[in-house]
Amino acid sequence: MGFQTEFNSVCKFKSAQELYELLEYGRGKMVKSGFRVFPTGQKVIAYTPENQAIAIVRIVASIAEINFQGDEVTQVEMELIRGLTEEESRIQTSLAFEMFFGEQA
């Protein structure tokens, strides 16, 4: 058991439904497997399940727990700051691929 630290600039959605709720309602949450530490209060870039930068969000809460099935999970609640422009999205997506999502050394 241990905590995994997330990159301070990355908040990647695995579920299109979770991302849709954030974009539609301005607030949302996502559930990640394992215990993770998300920087509460910090603004981060949100990415689609396809690794495309889509918005700037603020992490409102990060709750790590063991659920009723005995799995370690972290729930992250966030609020939408704003969507990215097409150019911002293109640049952030390229940088994130090189820094986070591309080949691992």
N, C-alpha and C. Protein backbone atom coordinates (compact mmCIF):
# COMPACT_ATOMS: atom_id res chain seq x y z
N MET A 1 0.85 -1.17 0.00
CA MET A 1 0.00 0.00 0.00
C MET A 1 0.89 1.23 0.00
N GLY A 2 0.52 2.22 -0.77
CA GLY A 2 1.27 3.47 -0.82
C GLY A 2 0.60 4.44 -1.74
N PHE A 3 0.98 5.69 -1.64
CA PHE A 3 0.38 6.72 -2.47
C PHE A 3 1.23 6.96 -3.70
N GLN A 4 0.58 7.17 -4.83
CA GLN A 4 1.26 7.52 -6.07
C GLN A 4 0.97 8.99 -6.33
N THR A 5 1.99 9.77 -6.58
CA THR A 5 1.82 11.20 -6.83
C THR A 5 1.53 11.42 -8.31
N GLU A 6 0.52 12.22 -8.60
CA GLU A 6 0.18 12.57 -9.98
C GLU A 6 1.05 13.74 -10.42
N PHE A 7 1.28 13.85 -11.72
CA PHE A 7 1.98 15.01 -12.24
C PHE A 7 1.14 16.25 -11.94
N ASN A 8 1.78 17.32 -11.53
CA ASN A 8 1.05 18.53 -11.14
C ASN A 8 0.28 19.17 -12.27
N SER A 9 0.61 18.86 -13.53
CA SER A 9 -0.08 19.53 -14.63
C SER A 9 -1.03 18.62 -15.38
N VAL A 10 -1.25 17.40 -14.89
CA VAL A 10 -2.04 16.43 -15.64
C VAL A 10 -3.21 15.89 -14.83
N CYS A 11 -4.37 15.88 -15.45
CA CYS A 11 -5.57 15.29 -14.86
C CYS A 11 -6.26 14.55 -16.01
N LYS A 12 -5.92 13.27 -16.20
CA LYS A 12 -6.42 12.52 -17.36
C LYS A 12 -7.67 11.72 -17.01
N PHE A 13 -8.71 11.94 -17.80
CA PHE A 13 -9.95 11.21 -17.63
C PHE A 13 -9.86 9.86 -18.32
N LYS A 14 -10.34 8.81 -17.68
CA LYS A 14 -10.44 7.48 -18.29
C LYS A 14 -11.85 7.25 -18.81
N SER A 15 -12.80 8.03 -18.30
CA SER A 15 -14.21 7.85 -18.65
C SER A 15 -14.72 9.09 -19.40
N ALA A 16 -15.28 8.87 -20.58
CA ALA A 16 -15.86 9.96 -21.35
C ALA A 16 -17.05 10.57 -20.62
N GLN A 17 -17.78 9.76 -19.86
CA GLN A 17 -18.94 10.26 -19.11
C GLN A 17 -18.51 11.24 -18.02
N GLU A 18 -17.43 10.93 -17.30
CA GLU A 18 -16.93 11.83 -16.26
C GLU A 18 -16.50 13.16 -16.88
N LEU A 19 -15.84 13.11 -18.02
CA LEU A 19 -15.40 14.32 -18.71
C LEU A 19 -16.60 15.13 -19.20
N TYR A 20 -17.59 14.44 -19.77
CA TYR A 20 -18.79 15.12 -20.25
C TYR A 20 -19.47 15.89 -19.11
N GLU A 21 -19.59 15.27 -17.94
CA GLU A 21 -20.24 15.93 -16.80
C GLU A 21 -19.49 17.19 -16.38
N LEU A 22 -18.17 17.13 -16.39
CA LEU A 22 -17.37 18.31 -16.05
C LEU A 22 -17.62 19.43 -17.05
N LEU A 23 -17.56 19.11 -18.33
CA LEU A 23 -17.74 20.13 -19.36
C LEU A 23 -19.16 20.67 -19.41
N GLU A 24 -20.13 19.81 -19.16
CA GLU A 24 -21.54 20.21 -19.22
C GLU A 24 -21.98 21.02 -18.01
N TYR A 25 -21.57 20.62 -16.82
CA TYR A 25 -22.07 21.23 -15.58
C TYR A 25 -21.06 22.12 -14.88
N GLY A 26 -19.80 22.13 -15.33
CA GLY A 26 -18.80 23.00 -14.72
C GLY A 26 -18.15 22.41 -13.47
N ARG A 27 -18.66 21.29 -13.02
CA ARG A 27 -18.09 20.56 -11.87
C ARG A 27 -18.20 19.08 -12.18
N GLY A 28 -17.29 18.33 -11.64
CA GLY A 28 -17.36 16.89 -11.86
C GLY A 28 -16.37 16.16 -10.98
N LYS A 29 -16.36 14.84 -11.15
CA LYS A 29 -15.40 14.04 -10.40
C LYS A 29 -14.96 12.88 -11.26
N MET A 30 -13.84 12.32 -10.89
CA MET A 30 -13.38 11.11 -11.54
C MET A 30 -12.84 10.18 -10.47
N VAL A 31 -12.85 8.90 -10.79
CA VAL A 31 -12.36 7.89 -9.87
C VAL A 31 -11.14 7.23 -10.50
N LYS A 32 -10.05 7.17 -9.75
CA LYS A 32 -8.81 6.55 -10.21
C LYS A 32 -8.53 5.34 -9.33
N SER A 33 -7.92 4.32 -9.90
CA SER A 33 -7.55 3.15 -9.11
C SER A 33 -6.29 3.45 -8.31
N GLY A 34 -6.19 2.87 -7.14
CA GLY A 34 -5.02 3.06 -6.28
C GLY A 34 -5.10 4.34 -5.47
N PHE A 35 -4.25 4.41 -4.47
CA PHE A 35 -4.15 5.63 -3.67
C PHE A 35 -3.28 6.61 -4.43
N ARG A 36 -3.80 7.81 -4.68
CA ARG A 36 -3.07 8.83 -5.42
C ARG A 36 -3.20 10.16 -4.70
N VAL A 37 -2.23 11.01 -4.88
CA VAL A 37 -2.26 12.34 -4.29
C VAL A 37 -2.45 13.35 -5.41
N PHE A 38 -3.56 14.08 -5.38
CA PHE A 38 -3.80 15.15 -6.32
C PHE A 38 -3.68 16.47 -5.57
N PRO A 39 -3.09 17.49 -6.18
CA PRO A 39 -2.81 18.77 -5.50
C PRO A 39 -4.06 19.62 -5.34
N THR A 40 -4.78 19.47 -4.24
CA THR A 40 -6.02 20.20 -3.98
C THR A 40 -5.77 21.70 -4.04
N GLY A 41 -6.65 22.41 -4.74
CA GLY A 41 -6.55 23.85 -4.90
C GLY A 41 -5.75 24.27 -6.11
N GLN A 42 -5.02 23.36 -6.72
CA GLN A 42 -4.17 23.70 -7.86
C GLN A 42 -4.94 23.60 -9.17
N LYS A 43 -4.58 24.46 -10.12
CA LYS A 43 -5.12 24.37 -11.48
C LYS A 43 -4.27 23.39 -12.27
N VAL A 44 -4.93 22.54 -13.05
CA VAL A 44 -4.23 21.56 -13.87
C VAL A 44 -4.90 21.47 -15.23
N ILE A 45 -4.21 20.86 -16.18
CA ILE A 45 -4.77 20.64 -17.52
C ILE A 45 -5.51 19.30 -17.50
N ALA A 46 -6.74 19.30 -18.00
CA ALA A 46 -7.53 18.07 -18.11
C ALA A 46 -7.36 17.49 -19.51
N TYR A 47 -7.23 16.17 -19.57
CA TYR A 47 -7.03 15.47 -20.84
C TYR A 47 -8.16 14.46 -21.05
N THR A 48 -8.52 14.27 -22.31
CA THR A 48 -9.54 13.29 -22.68
C THR A 48 -8.94 11.89 -22.54
N PRO A 49 -9.79 10.86 -22.62
CA PRO A 49 -9.25 9.48 -22.61
C PRO A 49 -8.28 9.22 -23.77
N GLU A 50 -8.34 10.04 -24.83
CA GLU A 50 -7.45 9.89 -25.98
C GLU A 50 -6.18 10.74 -25.84
N ASN A 51 -5.93 11.27 -24.64
CA ASN A 51 -4.75 12.09 -24.32
C ASN A 51 -4.72 13.45 -25.01
N GLN A 52 -5.88 14.03 -25.27
CA GLN A 52 -5.95 15.36 -25.87
C GLN A 52 -6.28 16.38 -24.78
N ALA A 53 -5.48 17.45 -24.70
CA ALA A 53 -5.73 18.52 -23.74
C ALA A 53 -7.05 19.19 -24.09
N ILE A 54 -7.89 19.42 -23.07
CA ILE A 54 -9.22 19.95 -23.36
C ILE A 54 -9.62 21.14 -22.50
N ALA A 55 -9.11 21.24 -21.26
CA ALA A 55 -9.57 22.30 -20.37
C ALA A 55 -8.59 22.54 -19.23
N ILE A 56 -8.80 23.67 -18.57
CA ILE A 56 -8.10 23.95 -17.32
C ILE A 56 -9.12 23.74 -16.21
N VAL A 57 -8.75 22.96 -15.20
CA VAL A 57 -9.63 22.68 -14.07
C VAL A 57 -8.91 22.95 -12.76
N ARG A 58 -9.67 23.15 -11.71
CA ARG A 58 -9.11 23.30 -10.37
C ARG A 58 -9.51 22.07 -9.55
N ILE A 59 -8.54 21.46 -8.91
CA ILE A 59 -8.82 20.31 -8.05
C ILE A 59 -9.44 20.83 -6.76
N VAL A 60 -10.66 20.39 -6.45
CA VAL A 60 -11.38 20.86 -5.27
C VAL A 60 -11.18 19.90 -4.10
N ALA A 61 -11.16 18.60 -4.39
CA ALA A 61 -10.99 17.60 -3.33
C ALA A 61 -10.35 16.35 -3.91
N SER A 62 -9.61 15.65 -3.07
CA SER A 62 -8.99 14.39 -3.45
C SER A 62 -9.14 13.45 -2.25
N ILE A 63 -9.90 12.37 -2.44
CA ILE A 63 -10.22 11.46 -1.34
C ILE A 63 -9.76 10.06 -1.70
N ALA A 64 -8.78 9.55 -0.96
CA ALA A 64 -8.27 8.19 -1.18
C ALA A 64 -8.91 7.29 -0.13
N GLU A 65 -9.43 6.13 -0.58
CA GLU A 65 -10.12 5.23 0.33
C GLU A 65 -10.11 3.80 -0.19
N ILE A 66 -10.51 2.90 0.64
CA ILE A 66 -10.74 1.51 0.23
C ILE A 66 -12.25 1.35 0.12
N ASN A 67 -12.74 1.00 -1.08
CA ASN A 67 -14.18 0.92 -1.28
C ASN A 67 -14.76 -0.39 -0.73
N PHE A 68 -16.05 -0.58 -0.91
CA PHE A 68 -16.72 -1.77 -0.35
C PHE A 68 -16.27 -3.07 -1.00
N GLN A 69 -15.67 -2.99 -2.18
CA GLN A 69 -15.16 -4.19 -2.83
C GLN A 69 -13.72 -4.49 -2.39
N GLY A 70 -13.16 -3.63 -1.52
CA GLY A 70 -11.81 -3.82 -1.03
C GLY A 70 -10.74 -3.24 -1.92
N ASP A 71 -11.14 -2.45 -2.94
CA ASP A 71 -10.18 -1.85 -3.86
C ASP A 71 -9.73 -0.49 -3.35
N GLU A 72 -8.45 -0.18 -3.55
CA GLU A 72 -7.93 1.15 -3.24
C GLU A 72 -8.31 2.08 -4.39
N VAL A 73 -9.01 3.17 -4.09
CA VAL A 73 -9.43 4.13 -5.12
C VAL A 73 -9.24 5.55 -4.60
N THR A 74 -9.12 6.47 -5.54
CA THR A 74 -9.05 7.89 -5.22
C THR A 74 -10.13 8.60 -6.03
N GLN A 75 -10.96 9.37 -5.35
CA GLN A 75 -11.96 10.19 -6.02
C GLN A 75 -11.44 11.62 -6.06
N VAL A 76 -11.52 12.22 -7.23
CA VAL A 76 -11.02 13.58 -7.42
C VAL A 76 -12.19 14.45 -7.88
N GLU A 77 -12.47 15.48 -7.12
CA GLU A 77 -13.53 16.42 -7.48
C GLU A 77 -12.87 17.68 -8.03
N MET A 78 -13.46 18.24 -9.10
CA MET A 78 -12.86 19.41 -9.74
C MET A 78 -13.92 20.34 -10.28
N GLU A 79 -13.48 21.58 -10.54
CA GLU A 79 -14.35 22.57 -11.18
C GLU A 79 -13.67 23.07 -12.44
N LEU A 80 -14.47 23.33 -13.44
CA LEU A 80 -13.98 23.79 -14.73
C LEU A 80 -13.61 25.27 -14.62
N ILE A 81 -12.39 25.61 -15.01
CA ILE A 81 -11.98 27.01 -15.09
C ILE A 81 -12.34 27.54 -16.48
N ARG A 82 -11.86 26.85 -17.53
CA ARG A 82 -12.24 27.20 -18.90
C ARG A 82 -11.74 26.12 -19.85
N GLY A 83 -12.40 26.05 -21.00
CA GLY A 83 -11.94 25.16 -22.05
C GLY A 83 -10.72 25.77 -22.74
N LEU A 84 -9.92 24.94 -23.38
CA LEU A 84 -8.76 25.41 -24.11
C LEU A 84 -9.15 25.77 -25.54
N THR A 85 -8.47 26.75 -26.10
CA THR A 85 -8.67 27.07 -27.51
C THR A 85 -8.05 25.94 -28.33
N GLU A 86 -8.33 25.91 -29.62
CA GLU A 86 -7.78 24.87 -30.49
C GLU A 86 -6.25 24.89 -30.48
N GLU A 87 -5.67 26.10 -30.55
CA GLU A 87 -4.21 26.22 -30.55
C GLU A 87 -3.62 25.78 -29.21
N GLU A 88 -4.21 26.21 -28.10
CA GLU A 88 -3.73 25.80 -26.77
C GLU A 88 -3.80 24.28 -26.63
N SER A 89 -4.89 23.71 -27.08
CA SER A 89 -5.06 22.26 -27.01
C SER A 89 -3.99 21.53 -27.80
N ARG A 90 -3.73 22.00 -29.01
CA ARG A 90 -2.72 21.37 -29.86
C ARG A 90 -1.34 21.41 -29.20
N ILE A 91 -0.96 22.56 -28.67
CA ILE A 91 0.36 22.71 -28.05
C ILE A 91 0.46 21.88 -26.78
N GLN A 92 -0.53 21.96 -25.90
CA GLN A 92 -0.51 21.19 -24.65
C GLN A 92 -0.51 19.69 -24.92
N THR A 93 -1.27 19.26 -25.92
CA THR A 93 -1.32 17.84 -26.27
C THR A 93 0.05 17.36 -26.73
N SER A 94 0.71 18.14 -27.57
CA SER A 94 2.05 17.77 -28.05
C SER A 94 3.05 17.70 -26.90
N LEU A 95 3.03 18.69 -26.03
CA LEU A 95 3.95 18.70 -24.89
C LEU A 95 3.69 17.53 -23.94
N ALA A 96 2.43 17.25 -23.68
CA ALA A 96 2.09 16.16 -22.76
C ALA A 96 2.50 14.81 -23.33
N PHE A 97 2.40 14.65 -24.64
CA PHE A 97 2.83 13.39 -25.24
C PHE A 97 4.32 13.20 -25.00
N GLU A 98 5.07 14.26 -25.22
CA GLU A 98 6.52 14.19 -25.04
C GLU A 98 6.90 13.98 -23.57
N MET A 99 6.18 14.63 -22.66
CA MET A 99 6.55 14.60 -21.24
C MET A 99 5.92 13.45 -20.46
N PHE A 100 4.66 13.09 -20.76
CA PHE A 100 3.94 12.15 -19.91
C PHE A 100 3.44 10.90 -20.61
N PHE A 101 2.83 11.06 -21.78
CA PHE A 101 2.10 9.95 -22.40
C PHE A 101 2.90 9.18 -23.43
N GLY A 102 4.01 9.73 -23.90
CA GLY A 102 4.82 9.08 -24.94
C GLY A 102 5.60 7.91 -24.37
N GLU A 103 6.67 7.54 -25.08
CA GLU A 103 7.46 6.39 -24.62
C GLU A 103 8.08 6.66 -23.26
N GLN A 104 8.13 5.63 -22.49
CA GLN A 104 8.73 5.71 -21.16
C GLN A 104 10.16 5.20 -21.22
N ALA A 105 11.06 5.92 -20.59
CA ALA A 105 12.49 5.53 -20.60
C ALA A 105 12.75 4.33 -19.74
